[in-house]
């Protein structure tokens, strides 16, 4: 399983809306529309960045290109 990431937009860190956690799993999520599904073209839909809270599992979706993520350096 991939290591958790931290995220921010500009200088503002992203925190989970449910538990205030700051560690997430990142994945790309398709934003499916009915029309594209109807014509079997779901692959052409726009995508978003999904941040899944590592603590509670709440899913946050972002389409803002300014979103940046990074892995925290391991403690030795």
Protein backbone atom coordinates (compact mmCIF):
# COMPACT_ATOMS: atom_id res chain seq x y z
CA UNK A 1 0.00 0.00 0.00
CA UNK A 2 1.29 3.48 -0.85
CA UNK A 3 2.56 5.73 1.91
CA UNK A 4 0.32 8.54 3.05
CA UNK A 5 0.79 12.03 1.63
CA UNK A 6 0.15 15.52 2.92
CA UNK A 7 -1.56 18.12 0.74
CA UNK A 8 -1.95 21.87 0.36
CA UNK A 9 -3.33 24.48 -1.99
CA UNK A 10 -0.94 27.37 -1.97
CA UNK A 11 0.24 27.83 1.62
CA UNK A 12 -2.97 26.40 3.11
CA UNK A 13 -2.69 22.77 4.26
CA UNK A 14 -5.56 20.39 3.55
CA UNK A 15 -7.15 18.84 6.64
CA UNK A 16 -9.88 16.22 6.68
CA UNK A 17 -13.35 17.76 7.03
CA UNK A 18 -14.47 14.95 9.35
CA UNK A 19 -11.55 14.28 11.70
CA UNK A 20 -8.96 17.04 11.01
CA UNK A 21 -6.44 14.41 9.89
CA UNK A 22 -3.58 15.59 7.68
CA UNK A 23 -2.50 12.31 6.05
CA UNK A 24 -4.19 11.02 2.89
CA UNK A 25 -4.00 8.36 0.20
CA UNK A 26 -4.06 9.89 -3.27
CA UNK A 27 -5.86 8.56 -6.37
CA UNK A 28 -7.26 9.84 -9.62
CA UNK A 29 -11.06 9.67 -9.79
CA UNK A 30 -13.19 9.87 -12.97
CA UNK A 31 -16.06 12.35 -12.81
CA UNK A 32 -18.56 10.29 -14.81
CA UNK A 33 -21.51 11.95 -16.52
CA UNK A 34 -24.72 10.27 -17.61
CA UNK A 35 -24.33 11.33 -21.24
CA UNK A 36 -20.85 9.89 -21.61
CA UNK A 37 -21.93 6.68 -19.87
CA UNK A 38 -24.90 6.39 -22.24
CA UNK A 39 -22.61 6.50 -25.29
CA UNK A 40 -20.00 4.19 -23.74
CA UNK A 41 -17.44 7.02 -23.58
CA UNK A 42 -16.84 7.24 -19.82
CA UNK A 43 -13.09 7.14 -20.49
CA UNK A 44 -13.35 10.68 -21.94
CA UNK A 45 -14.74 12.22 -18.74
CA UNK A 46 -12.73 14.70 -16.72
CA UNK A 47 -10.83 13.42 -13.69
CA UNK A 48 -10.23 14.79 -10.20
CA UNK A 49 -7.68 14.12 -7.52
CA UNK A 50 -9.15 12.08 -4.69
CA UNK A 51 -7.60 12.42 -1.23
CA UNK A 52 -8.77 9.65 1.09
CA UNK A 53 -8.19 10.38 4.76
CA UNK A 54 -5.80 7.84 6.28
CA UNK A 55 -7.59 8.14 9.65
CA UNK A 56 -11.32 7.98 8.89
CA UNK A 57 -11.57 7.19 5.15
CA UNK A 58 -13.53 10.32 4.14
CA UNK A 59 -13.01 11.10 0.44
CA UNK A 60 -12.17 14.65 -0.65
CA UNK A 61 -12.25 15.54 -4.38
CA UNK A 62 -10.20 18.33 -5.97
CA UNK A 63 -10.09 19.63 -9.53
CA UNK A 64 -7.89 22.61 -8.62
CA UNK A 65 -4.56 22.29 -10.48
CA UNK A 66 -2.83 24.18 -7.64
CA UNK A 67 -3.25 21.17 -5.32
CA UNK A 68 0.13 19.74 -4.39
CA UNK A 69 0.94 16.61 -2.43
CA UNK A 70 4.12 15.36 -0.82
CA UNK A 71 5.30 12.46 1.28
CA UNK A 72 6.55 13.17 4.75
CA UNK A 73 10.16 12.21 5.27
CA UNK A 74 10.59 9.07 7.37
CA UNK A 75 11.70 9.49 10.97
CA UNK A 76 14.89 7.61 11.81
